[in-house]
Amino acid sequence: MPKTKVYMYNDTSRTVSDETLFFQVQQGNEGAFEALFLRHYPALCAYARLFVEPDDGQEIVSDVMVWLWENKEMQAFESSLKSYLFKAVKNRCLTLINRNEVKQRIEKMIFDNLQSQYDDPDFYAIQELTEKIEEALARLPENVREAFELNRFQNLTYNEIAERLGVSPKTIDYRIQQALKQLRIDLKEYLPLLLPFLLH
């Protein structure tokens, strides 16, 4: 059998389509992956900067490209590889923005609660507790975490969340109860400080 052709990023590879290069990537061709990476990396980073800081954007783009290599066995894309990459970068940027917003809301909630109990809340205690809550939330199933965060951090009602996610309010109630149950276990050491957060 003939050897797999290796595409290097030069003047000739510029004329090779994304689809052809990705087919080569699926065969394990690192040269083809390098060509795709170098072809799309600058534009993807520029696009990511519309949403997040440059350093975060570069990290997100790199993660997306690494994910592409690690999942190269996928069969096809709905539209084009380029569209897929831009959509993936946007989704990860929005996820990062959401995580940052959640973190800020957690910090504010903790600070407000501690301030009512102590004259001078400990910054490091707030930071540590914020990290513990983030870790506990990350361990929840995605649909459970999403329902909980929409309710607690965006103040949406069960009906509003149900409409957004396309499920019944009863399902949202169940998911939030599951979240509360697990968070009370994972954060049991901090329950006195988290009562407003963990009460139904």
N, C-alpha and C. Protein backbone atom coordinates (compact mmCIF):
# COMPACT_ATOMS: atom_id res chain seq x y z
N MET A 1 0.84 -1.19 0.00
CA MET A 1 0.00 0.00 0.00
C MET A 1 0.88 1.25 0.00
N PRO A 2 0.46 2.31 -0.69
CA PRO A 2 1.28 3.52 -0.72
C PRO A 2 1.27 4.20 0.65
N LYS A 3 2.34 4.91 0.93
CA LYS A 3 2.43 5.62 2.19
C LYS A 3 1.46 6.80 2.19
N THR A 4 0.95 7.13 3.38
CA THR A 4 0.07 8.29 3.50
C THR A 4 0.85 9.55 3.21
N LYS A 5 0.31 10.37 2.34
CA LYS A 5 0.98 11.62 2.00
C LYS A 5 0.97 12.56 3.19
N VAL A 6 2.09 13.16 3.51
CA VAL A 6 2.19 14.11 4.62
C VAL A 6 2.12 15.52 4.06
N TYR A 7 1.13 16.26 4.52
CA TYR A 7 1.00 17.65 4.09
C TYR A 7 1.72 18.54 5.10
N MET A 8 2.68 19.30 4.67
CA MET A 8 3.34 20.27 5.52
C MET A 8 2.78 21.64 5.18
N TYR A 9 2.85 22.56 6.12
CA TYR A 9 2.26 23.88 5.91
C TYR A 9 3.20 24.73 5.05
N ASN A 10 3.00 24.67 3.76
CA ASN A 10 3.79 25.47 2.85
C ASN A 10 2.87 26.01 1.77
N ASP A 11 3.45 26.54 0.71
CA ASP A 11 2.62 27.16 -0.32
C ASP A 11 1.66 26.18 -0.96
N THR A 12 2.07 24.92 -1.12
CA THR A 12 1.20 23.96 -1.77
C THR A 12 0.05 23.53 -0.87
N SER A 13 0.30 23.42 0.44
CA SER A 13 -0.76 22.97 1.34
C SER A 13 -1.86 24.00 1.50
N ARG A 14 -1.57 25.26 1.12
CA ARG A 14 -2.59 26.30 1.22
C ARG A 14 -3.76 26.00 0.28
N THR A 15 -3.52 25.27 -0.76
CA THR A 15 -4.57 24.98 -1.73
C THR A 15 -5.31 23.69 -1.42
N VAL A 16 -4.82 22.96 -0.42
CA VAL A 16 -5.47 21.71 -0.03
C VAL A 16 -6.67 22.04 0.85
N SER A 17 -7.83 21.45 0.57
CA SER A 17 -9.04 21.77 1.33
C SER A 17 -8.97 21.25 2.76
N ASP A 18 -9.77 21.86 3.62
CA ASP A 18 -9.88 21.40 5.01
C ASP A 18 -10.32 19.94 5.06
N GLU A 19 -11.26 19.60 4.18
CA GLU A 19 -11.80 18.24 4.19
C GLU A 19 -10.71 17.21 3.86
N THR A 20 -9.86 17.55 2.88
CA THR A 20 -8.78 16.65 2.51
C THR A 20 -7.78 16.51 3.65
N LEU A 21 -7.44 17.65 4.26
CA LEU A 21 -6.50 17.61 5.37
C LEU A 21 -7.08 16.82 6.55
N PHE A 22 -8.37 17.03 6.83
CA PHE A 22 -8.94 16.33 7.96
C PHE A 22 -9.02 14.83 7.70
N PHE A 23 -9.25 14.46 6.44
CA PHE A 23 -9.21 13.03 6.11
C PHE A 23 -7.84 12.46 6.44
N GLN A 24 -6.80 13.22 6.14
CA GLN A 24 -5.45 12.79 6.46
C GLN A 24 -5.24 12.74 7.98
N VAL A 25 -5.83 13.70 8.68
CA VAL A 25 -5.75 13.70 10.15
C VAL A 25 -6.38 12.43 10.70
N GLN A 26 -7.48 12.02 10.13
CA GLN A 26 -8.16 10.81 10.58
C GLN A 26 -7.30 9.56 10.40
N GLN A 27 -6.35 9.65 9.47
CA GLN A 27 -5.43 8.53 9.27
C GLN A 27 -4.23 8.62 10.22
N GLY A 28 -4.25 9.64 11.10
CA GLY A 28 -3.16 9.80 12.05
C GLY A 28 -2.01 10.64 11.53
N ASN A 29 -2.25 11.41 10.48
CA ASN A 29 -1.21 12.21 9.85
C ASN A 29 -0.98 13.51 10.63
N GLU A 30 0.12 13.60 11.35
CA GLU A 30 0.42 14.77 12.16
C GLU A 30 0.74 15.99 11.31
N GLY A 31 1.31 15.78 10.13
CA GLY A 31 1.60 16.90 9.25
C GLY A 31 0.32 17.59 8.79
N ALA A 32 -0.70 16.81 8.50
CA ALA A 32 -1.98 17.39 8.10
C ALA A 32 -2.60 18.16 9.26
N PHE A 33 -2.47 17.62 10.46
CA PHE A 33 -3.00 18.32 11.63
C PHE A 33 -2.27 19.64 11.84
N GLU A 34 -0.95 19.62 11.67
CA GLU A 34 -0.17 20.85 11.81
C GLU A 34 -0.63 21.89 10.79
N ALA A 35 -0.90 21.45 9.57
CA ALA A 35 -1.36 22.37 8.54
C ALA A 35 -2.70 22.99 8.92
N LEU A 36 -3.63 22.17 9.43
CA LEU A 36 -4.93 22.70 9.87
C LEU A 36 -4.76 23.66 11.04
N PHE A 37 -3.92 23.28 11.97
CA PHE A 37 -3.70 24.11 13.15
C PHE A 37 -3.20 25.49 12.75
N LEU A 38 -2.15 25.52 11.93
CA LEU A 38 -1.56 26.79 11.54
C LEU A 38 -2.48 27.59 10.62
N ARG A 39 -3.31 26.91 9.87
CA ARG A 39 -4.23 27.60 8.97
C ARG A 39 -5.30 28.35 9.75
N HIS A 40 -5.83 27.74 10.80
CA HIS A 40 -6.99 28.33 11.49
C HIS A 40 -6.67 29.02 12.81
N TYR A 41 -5.51 28.74 13.38
CA TYR A 41 -5.18 29.26 14.72
C TYR A 41 -5.29 30.79 14.81
N PRO A 42 -4.68 31.56 13.91
CA PRO A 42 -4.75 33.03 14.06
C PRO A 42 -6.18 33.57 14.04
N ALA A 43 -6.99 33.11 13.09
CA ALA A 43 -8.36 33.61 12.99
C ALA A 43 -9.20 33.19 14.20
N LEU A 44 -8.98 31.97 14.68
CA LEU A 44 -9.73 31.50 15.84
C LEU A 44 -9.36 32.30 17.08
N CYS A 45 -8.08 32.63 17.23
CA CYS A 45 -7.65 33.44 18.38
C CYS A 45 -8.25 34.84 18.31
N ALA A 46 -8.26 35.42 17.11
CA ALA A 46 -8.85 36.75 16.94
C ALA A 46 -10.33 36.71 17.27
N TYR A 47 -11.01 35.65 16.87
CA TYR A 47 -12.44 35.50 17.16
C TYR A 47 -12.67 35.34 18.65
N ALA A 48 -11.84 34.55 19.30
CA ALA A 48 -11.98 34.33 20.75
C ALA A 48 -11.82 35.63 21.52
N ARG A 49 -11.00 36.55 21.01
CA ARG A 49 -10.78 37.82 21.70
C ARG A 49 -12.03 38.69 21.73
N LEU A 50 -13.01 38.36 20.90
CA LEU A 50 -14.28 39.08 20.97
C LEU A 50 -15.03 38.76 22.26
N PHE A 51 -14.67 37.63 22.89
CA PHE A 51 -15.41 37.17 24.06
C PHE A 51 -14.57 37.19 25.34
N VAL A 52 -13.30 36.82 25.25
CA VAL A 52 -12.47 36.65 26.45
C VAL A 52 -11.12 37.33 26.27
N GLU A 53 -10.33 37.33 27.33
CA GLU A 53 -8.99 37.90 27.28
C GLU A 53 -8.10 37.10 26.32
N PRO A 54 -7.10 37.75 25.71
CA PRO A 54 -6.24 37.05 24.72
C PRO A 54 -5.63 35.75 25.24
N ASP A 55 -5.10 35.75 26.45
CA ASP A 55 -4.48 34.53 26.99
C ASP A 55 -5.49 33.41 27.11
N ASP A 56 -6.68 33.75 27.61
CA ASP A 56 -7.74 32.73 27.72
C ASP A 56 -8.16 32.24 26.34
N GLY A 57 -8.23 33.17 25.38
CA GLY A 57 -8.63 32.80 24.04
C GLY A 57 -7.64 31.84 23.39
N GLN A 58 -6.36 32.11 23.56
CA GLN A 58 -5.33 31.23 22.99
C GLN A 58 -5.41 29.84 23.61
N GLU A 59 -5.64 29.80 24.91
CA GLU A 59 -5.74 28.50 25.58
C GLU A 59 -6.97 27.73 25.08
N ILE A 60 -8.07 28.44 24.90
CA ILE A 60 -9.29 27.80 24.41
C ILE A 60 -9.09 27.25 23.00
N VAL A 61 -8.48 28.04 22.13
CA VAL A 61 -8.25 27.59 20.76
C VAL A 61 -7.34 26.36 20.75
N SER A 62 -6.29 26.40 21.55
CA SER A 62 -5.39 25.24 21.63
C SER A 62 -6.13 24.01 22.12
N ASP A 63 -6.99 24.20 23.13
CA ASP A 63 -7.76 23.07 23.67
C ASP A 63 -8.69 22.48 22.61
N VAL A 64 -9.33 23.36 21.83
CA VAL A 64 -10.23 22.90 20.78
C VAL A 64 -9.47 22.09 19.73
N MET A 65 -8.29 22.58 19.36
CA MET A 65 -7.50 21.87 18.35
C MET A 65 -6.99 20.53 18.88
N VAL A 66 -6.59 20.51 20.13
CA VAL A 66 -6.16 19.25 20.74
C VAL A 66 -7.33 18.27 20.78
N TRP A 67 -8.50 18.79 21.13
CA TRP A 67 -9.71 17.95 21.16
C TRP A 67 -9.98 17.38 19.76
N LEU A 68 -9.78 18.20 18.73
CA LEU A 68 -9.99 17.74 17.36
C LEU A 68 -9.07 16.57 17.04
N TRP A 69 -7.82 16.68 17.45
CA TRP A 69 -6.86 15.60 17.20
C TRP A 69 -7.25 14.33 17.97
N GLU A 70 -7.62 14.50 19.23
CA GLU A 70 -7.94 13.35 20.07
C GLU A 70 -9.23 12.68 19.65
N ASN A 71 -10.10 13.40 18.94
CA ASN A 71 -11.38 12.85 18.50
C ASN A 71 -11.45 12.80 16.97
N LYS A 72 -10.33 12.56 16.35
CA LYS A 72 -10.24 12.60 14.89
C LYS A 72 -11.04 11.49 14.21
N GLU A 73 -11.48 10.49 14.98
CA GLU A 73 -12.25 9.40 14.38
C GLU A 73 -13.68 9.80 14.05
N MET A 74 -14.11 11.00 14.49
CA MET A 74 -15.47 11.42 14.20
C MET A 74 -15.71 11.38 12.69
N GLN A 75 -16.93 11.10 12.29
CA GLN A 75 -17.21 10.83 10.89
C GLN A 75 -17.31 12.08 10.03
N ALA A 76 -18.05 13.09 10.50
CA ALA A 76 -18.27 14.25 9.65
C ALA A 76 -18.73 15.44 10.48
N PHE A 77 -18.84 16.58 9.84
CA PHE A 77 -19.33 17.80 10.47
C PHE A 77 -20.64 18.20 9.81
N GLU A 78 -21.49 18.89 10.56
CA GLU A 78 -22.79 19.29 10.02
C GLU A 78 -22.64 20.23 8.83
N SER A 79 -21.70 21.17 8.92
CA SER A 79 -21.50 22.10 7.81
C SER A 79 -20.09 21.95 7.27
N SER A 80 -19.14 22.65 7.87
CA SER A 80 -17.75 22.56 7.45
C SER A 80 -16.86 22.50 8.69
N LEU A 81 -15.63 22.06 8.50
CA LEU A 81 -14.69 22.01 9.61
C LEU A 81 -14.45 23.40 10.18
N LYS A 82 -14.32 24.38 9.30
CA LYS A 82 -14.08 25.76 9.75
C LYS A 82 -15.23 26.25 10.63
N SER A 83 -16.45 26.04 10.17
CA SER A 83 -17.62 26.46 10.96
C SER A 83 -17.66 25.74 12.30
N TYR A 84 -17.32 24.46 12.27
CA TYR A 84 -17.31 23.67 13.50
C TYR A 84 -16.31 24.24 14.49
N LEU A 85 -15.11 24.59 14.02
CA LEU A 85 -14.06 25.11 14.91
C LEU A 85 -14.48 26.45 15.52
N PHE A 86 -15.04 27.33 14.71
CA PHE A 86 -15.47 28.63 15.23
C PHE A 86 -16.60 28.46 16.26
N LYS A 87 -17.52 27.54 15.97
CA LYS A 87 -18.61 27.29 16.91
C LYS A 87 -18.08 26.71 18.21
N ALA A 88 -17.12 25.79 18.11
CA ALA A 88 -16.55 25.17 19.31
C ALA A 88 -15.83 26.20 20.16
N VAL A 89 -15.08 27.09 19.51
CA VAL A 89 -14.36 28.14 20.24
C VAL A 89 -15.35 29.08 20.93
N LYS A 90 -16.40 29.47 20.22
CA LYS A 90 -17.41 30.36 20.81
C LYS A 90 -18.06 29.71 22.02
N ASN A 91 -18.44 28.45 21.90
CA ASN A 91 -19.10 27.75 23.00
C ASN A 91 -18.19 27.67 24.23
N ARG A 92 -16.90 27.41 24.00
CA ARG A 92 -15.98 27.33 25.14
C ARG A 92 -15.75 28.70 25.76
N CYS A 93 -15.74 29.73 24.93
CA CYS A 93 -15.61 31.09 25.46
C CYS A 93 -16.81 31.44 26.34
N LEU A 94 -18.01 31.12 25.84
CA LEU A 94 -19.22 31.41 26.60
C LEU A 94 -19.27 30.60 27.90
N THR A 95 -18.77 29.36 27.84
CA THR A 95 -18.70 28.55 29.06
C THR A 95 -17.77 29.19 30.07
N LEU A 96 -16.62 29.69 29.61
CA LEU A 96 -15.68 30.36 30.51
C LEU A 96 -16.30 31.61 31.12
N ILE A 97 -16.99 32.39 30.29
CA ILE A 97 -17.66 33.59 30.79
C ILE A 97 -18.68 33.22 31.86
N ASN A 98 -19.45 32.18 31.59
CA ASN A 98 -20.45 31.73 32.55
C ASN A 98 -19.81 31.27 33.85
N ARG A 99 -18.69 30.53 33.75
CA ARG A 99 -18.00 30.06 34.94
C ARG A 99 -17.49 31.24 35.76
N ASN A 100 -16.96 32.25 35.07
CA ASN A 100 -16.46 33.44 35.77
C ASN A 100 -17.59 34.19 36.47
N GLU A 101 -18.75 34.27 35.80
CA GLU A 101 -19.90 34.93 36.40
C GLU A 101 -20.38 34.16 37.63
N VAL A 102 -20.41 32.84 37.50
CA VAL A 102 -20.81 32.01 38.63
C VAL A 102 -19.85 32.21 39.80
N LYS A 103 -18.56 32.23 39.50
CA LYS A 103 -17.56 32.44 40.56
C LYS A 103 -17.77 33.77 41.26
N GLN A 104 -18.02 34.82 40.49
CA GLN A 104 -18.25 36.14 41.08
C GLN A 104 -19.49 36.15 41.96
N ARG A 105 -20.53 35.46 41.50
CA ARG A 105 -21.77 35.41 42.29
C ARG A 105 -21.56 34.62 43.59
N ILE A 106 -20.79 33.54 43.49
CA ILE A 106 -20.49 32.75 44.69
C ILE A 106 -19.71 33.60 45.68
N GLU A 107 -18.68 34.29 45.20
CA GLU A 107 -17.86 35.13 46.07
C GLU A 107 -18.70 36.20 46.76
N LYS A 108 -19.59 36.83 45.99
CA LYS A 108 -20.44 37.87 46.57
C LYS A 108 -21.37 37.28 47.62
N MET A 109 -21.95 36.13 47.32
CA MET A 109 -22.86 35.48 48.26
C MET A 109 -22.13 35.15 49.56
N ILE A 110 -20.93 34.58 49.44
CA ILE A 110 -20.15 34.22 50.63
C ILE A 110 -19.76 35.47 51.41
N PHE A 111 -19.27 36.49 50.69
CA PHE A 111 -18.84 37.73 51.35
C PHE A 111 -19.99 38.38 52.10
N ASP A 112 -21.14 38.48 51.44
CA ASP A 112 -22.30 39.10 52.09
C ASP A 112 -22.70 38.33 53.34
N ASN A 113 -22.63 37.00 53.27
CA ASN A 113 -23.01 36.17 54.41
C ASN A 113 -21.99 36.30 55.54
N LEU A 114 -20.71 36.27 55.18
CA LEU A 114 -19.67 36.39 56.21
C LEU A 114 -19.66 37.78 56.83
N GLN A 115 -19.95 38.78 56.01
CA GLN A 115 -19.93 40.16 56.51
C GLN A 115 -21.00 40.37 57.58
N SER A 116 -22.09 39.60 57.46
CA SER A 116 -23.15 39.73 58.46
C SER A 116 -22.76 39.06 59.78
N GLN A 117 -21.72 38.22 59.74
CA GLN A 117 -21.29 37.51 60.94
C GLN A 117 -19.98 38.04 61.52
N TYR A 118 -19.14 38.61 60.65
CA TYR A 118 -17.83 39.07 61.09
C TYR A 118 -17.60 40.51 60.62
N ASP A 119 -16.90 41.27 61.45
CA ASP A 119 -16.60 42.65 61.08
C ASP A 119 -15.66 42.71 59.87
N ASP A 120 -14.72 41.78 59.81
CA ASP A 120 -13.71 41.80 58.75
C ASP A 120 -13.56 40.41 58.15
N PRO A 121 -14.38 40.06 57.16
CA PRO A 121 -14.30 38.72 56.57
C PRO A 121 -12.92 38.42 56.01
N ASP A 122 -12.48 37.20 56.17
CA ASP A 122 -11.16 36.76 55.72
C ASP A 122 -11.20 36.49 54.22
N PHE A 123 -10.40 37.25 53.47
CA PHE A 123 -10.37 37.09 52.02
C PHE A 123 -9.99 35.67 51.63
N TYR A 124 -9.02 35.09 52.31
CA TYR A 124 -8.55 33.76 51.96
C TYR A 124 -9.60 32.69 52.26
N ALA A 125 -10.39 32.93 53.30
CA ALA A 125 -11.47 32.00 53.61
C ALA A 125 -12.53 32.06 52.51
N ILE A 126 -12.81 33.27 52.02
CA ILE A 126 -13.78 33.43 50.94
C ILE A 126 -13.28 32.73 49.67
N GLN A 127 -11.99 32.93 49.38
CA GLN A 127 -11.41 32.32 48.20
C GLN A 127 -11.43 30.79 48.29
N GLU A 128 -11.10 30.26 49.46
CA GLU A 128 -11.08 28.81 49.65
C GLU A 128 -12.48 28.22 49.52
N LEU A 129 -13.44 28.88 50.12
CA LEU A 129 -14.81 28.38 50.08
C LEU A 129 -15.37 28.47 48.65
N THR A 130 -15.03 29.55 47.95
CA THR A 130 -15.45 29.69 46.55
C THR A 130 -14.94 28.52 45.72
N GLU A 131 -13.69 28.16 45.91
CA GLU A 131 -13.10 27.04 45.17
C GLU A 131 -13.78 25.72 45.51
N LYS A 132 -14.12 25.54 46.80
CA LYS A 132 -14.80 24.32 47.21
C LYS A 132 -16.18 24.21 46.55
N ILE A 133 -16.88 25.33 46.49
CA ILE A 133 -18.21 25.32 45.87
C ILE A 133 -18.10 25.05 44.38
N GLU A 134 -17.12 25.70 43.73
CA GLU A 134 -16.93 25.47 42.29
C GLU A 134 -16.62 24.00 42.01
N GLU A 135 -15.78 23.42 42.84
CA GLU A 135 -15.42 22.01 42.65
C GLU A 135 -16.64 21.11 42.85
N ALA A 136 -17.45 21.43 43.86
CA ALA A 136 -18.65 20.63 44.12
C ALA A 136 -19.64 20.76 42.97
N LEU A 137 -19.80 21.97 42.44
CA LEU A 137 -20.71 22.17 41.31
C LEU A 137 -20.22 21.42 40.07
N ALA A 138 -18.90 21.42 39.87
CA ALA A 138 -18.34 20.75 38.69
C ALA A 138 -18.57 19.24 38.72
N ARG A 139 -18.74 18.69 39.92
CA ARG A 139 -18.95 17.24 40.04
C ARG A 139 -20.40 16.84 39.77
N LEU A 140 -21.29 17.80 39.73
CA LEU A 140 -22.69 17.49 39.46
C LEU A 140 -22.88 17.12 37.99
N PRO A 141 -23.86 16.26 37.69
CA PRO A 141 -24.20 16.02 36.28
C PRO A 141 -24.54 17.35 35.61
N GLU A 142 -24.18 17.49 34.34
CA GLU A 142 -24.31 18.78 33.67
C GLU A 142 -25.72 19.34 33.72
N ASN A 143 -26.74 18.50 33.47
CA ASN A 143 -28.12 19.02 33.45
C ASN A 143 -28.57 19.43 34.85
N VAL A 144 -28.06 18.76 35.88
CA VAL A 144 -28.39 19.11 37.27
C VAL A 144 -27.71 20.43 37.64
N ARG A 145 -26.44 20.54 37.30
CA ARG A 145 -25.70 21.77 37.61
C ARG A 145 -26.30 22.97 36.90
N GLU A 146 -26.66 22.79 35.62
CA GLU A 146 -27.21 23.90 34.85
C GLU A 146 -28.50 24.42 35.46
N ALA A 147 -29.40 23.52 35.84
CA ALA A 147 -30.66 23.94 36.46
C ALA A 147 -30.42 24.66 37.77
N PHE A 148 -29.49 24.14 38.58
CA PHE A 148 -29.19 24.75 39.87
C PHE A 148 -28.61 26.14 39.70
N GLU A 149 -27.66 26.30 38.79
CA GLU A 149 -27.01 27.59 38.61
C GLU A 149 -27.98 28.63 38.05
N LEU A 150 -28.85 28.22 37.14
CA LEU A 150 -29.84 29.16 36.60
C LEU A 150 -30.77 29.65 37.70
N ASN A 151 -31.10 28.77 38.64
CA ASN A 151 -31.99 29.14 39.73
C ASN A 151 -31.28 30.00 40.78
N ARG A 152 -30.09 29.56 41.21
CA ARG A 152 -29.41 30.23 42.31
C ARG A 152 -28.65 31.48 41.90
N PHE A 153 -28.07 31.47 40.69
CA PHE A 153 -27.19 32.56 40.30
C PHE A 153 -27.79 33.51 39.27
N GLN A 154 -28.84 33.07 38.57
CA GLN A 154 -29.51 33.97 37.64
C GLN A 154 -30.94 34.26 38.08
N ASN A 155 -31.31 33.68 39.23
CA ASN A 155 -32.61 33.95 39.86
C ASN A 155 -33.81 33.64 38.95
N LEU A 156 -33.65 32.63 38.09
CA LEU A 156 -34.77 32.21 37.27
C LEU A 156 -35.69 31.27 38.06
N THR A 157 -36.97 31.37 37.79
CA THR A 157 -37.93 30.48 38.44
C THR A 157 -37.87 29.10 37.79
N TYR A 158 -38.47 28.12 38.45
CA TYR A 158 -38.50 26.77 37.89
C TYR A 158 -39.19 26.78 36.52
N ASN A 159 -40.26 27.56 36.40
CA ASN A 159 -40.99 27.62 35.13
C ASN A 159 -40.12 28.24 34.03
N GLU A 160 -39.38 29.29 34.38
CA GLU A 160 -38.51 29.95 33.40
C GLU A 160 -37.39 29.02 32.95
N ILE A 161 -36.82 28.28 33.90
CA ILE A 161 -35.75 27.34 33.56
C ILE A 161 -36.30 26.22 32.69
N ALA A 162 -37.48 25.73 33.05
CA ALA A 162 -38.11 24.65 32.29
C ALA A 162 -38.34 25.07 30.84
N GLU A 163 -38.82 26.31 30.66
CA GLU A 163 -39.07 26.81 29.31
C GLU A 163 -37.77 26.94 28.53
N ARG A 164 -36.72 27.42 29.20
CA ARG A 164 -35.43 27.58 28.53
C ARG A 164 -34.84 26.24 28.12
N LEU A 165 -34.96 25.24 28.97
CA LEU A 165 -34.32 23.95 28.72
C LEU A 165 -35.23 22.95 28.02
N GLY A 166 -36.50 23.31 27.84
CA GLY A 166 -37.40 22.44 27.12
C GLY A 166 -37.83 21.21 27.91
N VAL A 167 -37.96 21.35 29.22
CA VAL A 167 -38.42 20.25 30.06
C VAL A 167 -39.53 20.78 30.97
N SER A 168 -40.08 19.90 31.81
CA SER A 168 -41.17 20.31 32.69
C SER A 168 -40.62 20.95 33.97
N PRO A 169 -41.41 21.84 34.61
CA PRO A 169 -41.01 22.40 35.89
C PRO A 169 -40.75 21.31 36.94
N LYS A 170 -41.50 20.21 36.85
CA LYS A 170 -41.30 19.11 37.79
C LYS A 170 -39.90 18.50 37.62
N THR A 171 -39.43 18.42 36.38
CA THR A 171 -38.08 17.92 36.12
C THR A 171 -37.04 18.86 36.71
N ILE A 172 -37.27 20.16 36.56
CA ILE A 172 -36.33 21.15 37.12
C ILE A 172 -36.30 21.04 38.64
N ASP A 173 -37.47 20.88 39.24
CA ASP A 173 -37.52 20.73 40.70
C ASP A 173 -36.71 19.51 41.13
N TYR A 174 -36.86 18.42 40.41
CA TYR A 174 -36.12 17.20 40.74
C TYR A 174 -34.62 17.43 40.61
N ARG A 175 -34.20 18.08 39.54
CA ARG A 175 -32.76 18.32 39.32
C ARG A 175 -32.17 19.20 40.41
N ILE A 176 -32.90 20.23 40.80
CA ILE A 176 -32.39 21.13 41.84
C ILE A 176 -32.34 20.42 43.19
N GLN A 177 -33.33 19.59 43.46
CA GLN A 177 -33.31 18.81 44.70
C GLN A 177 -32.10 17.86 44.72
N GLN A 178 -31.80 17.26 43.57
CA GLN A 178 -30.63 16.39 43.47
C GLN A 178 -29.35 17.17 43.71
N ALA A 179 -29.29 18.38 43.16
CA ALA A 179 -28.12 19.23 43.36
C ALA A 179 -27.95 19.59 44.83
N LEU A 180 -29.04 19.99 45.46
CA LEU A 180 -28.99 20.37 46.88
C LEU A 180 -28.55 19.18 47.75
N LYS A 181 -29.09 18.02 47.44
CA LYS A 181 -28.76 16.82 48.20
C LYS A 181 -27.26 16.53 48.13
N GLN A 182 -26.70 16.59 46.92
CA GLN A 182 -25.29 16.29 46.75
C GLN A 182 -24.40 17.39 47.33
N LEU A 183 -24.80 18.64 47.15
CA LEU A 183 -23.99 19.75 47.66
C LEU A 183 -23.94 19.76 49.18
N ARG A 184 -25.05 19.39 49.81
CA ARG A 184 -25.06 19.33 51.27
C ARG A 184 -24.09 18.27 51.78
N ILE A 185 -23.91 17.21 50.99
CA ILE A 185 -22.94 16.17 51.36
C ILE A 185 -21.52 16.66 51.13
N ASP A 186 -21.28 17.21 49.93
CA ASP A 186 -19.93 17.63 49.56
C ASP A 186 -19.44 18.82 50.37
N LEU A 187 -20.38 19.66 50.81
CA LEU A 187 -19.99 20.90 51.51
C LEU A 187 -20.44 20.88 52.97
N LYS A 188 -20.58 19.70 53.54
CA LYS A 188 -21.11 19.58 54.89
C LYS A 188 -20.28 20.33 55.93
N GLU A 189 -18.96 20.46 55.68
CA GLU A 189 -18.09 21.16 56.63
C GLU A 189 -18.38 22.66 56.67
N TYR A 190 -19.06 23.15 55.63
CA TYR A 190 -19.27 24.60 55.52
C TYR A 190 -20.75 24.98 55.64
N LEU A 191 -21.57 24.05 56.06
CA LEU A 191 -23.02 24.29 56.07
C LEU A 191 -23.44 25.55 56.81
N PRO A 192 -22.85 25.86 57.98
CA PRO A 192 -23.26 27.08 58.68
C PRO A 192 -23.09 28.35 57.85
N LEU A 193 -22.11 28.35 56.97
CA LEU A 193 -21.85 29.53 56.15
C LEU A 193 -22.66 29.53 54.85
N LEU A 194 -23.26 28.41 54.52
CA LEU A 194 -23.88 28.26 53.21
C LEU A 194 -25.39 28.04 53.26
N LEU A 195 -26.00 28.30 54.40
CA LEU A 195 -27.43 28.04 54.53
C LEU A 195 -28.26 28.76 53.47
N PRO A 196 -27.99 30.06 53.17
CA PRO A 196 -28.81 30.70 52.13
C PRO A 196 -28.62 30.06 50.76
N PHE A 197 -27.45 29.52 50.53
CA PHE A 197 -27.10 28.91 49.25
C PHE A 197 -27.73 27.54 49.09
N LEU A 198 -27.84 26.81 50.21
CA LEU A 198 -28.26 25.42 50.14
C LEU A 198 -29.68 25.17 50.62
N LEU A 199 -30.36 26.22 51.07
CA LEU A 199 -31.76 26.07 51.43
C LEU A 199 -32.60 26.00 50.18
N HIS A 200 -33.71 25.28 50.24
CA HIS A 200 -34.61 25.14 49.09
C HIS A 200 -35.27 26.50 48.83
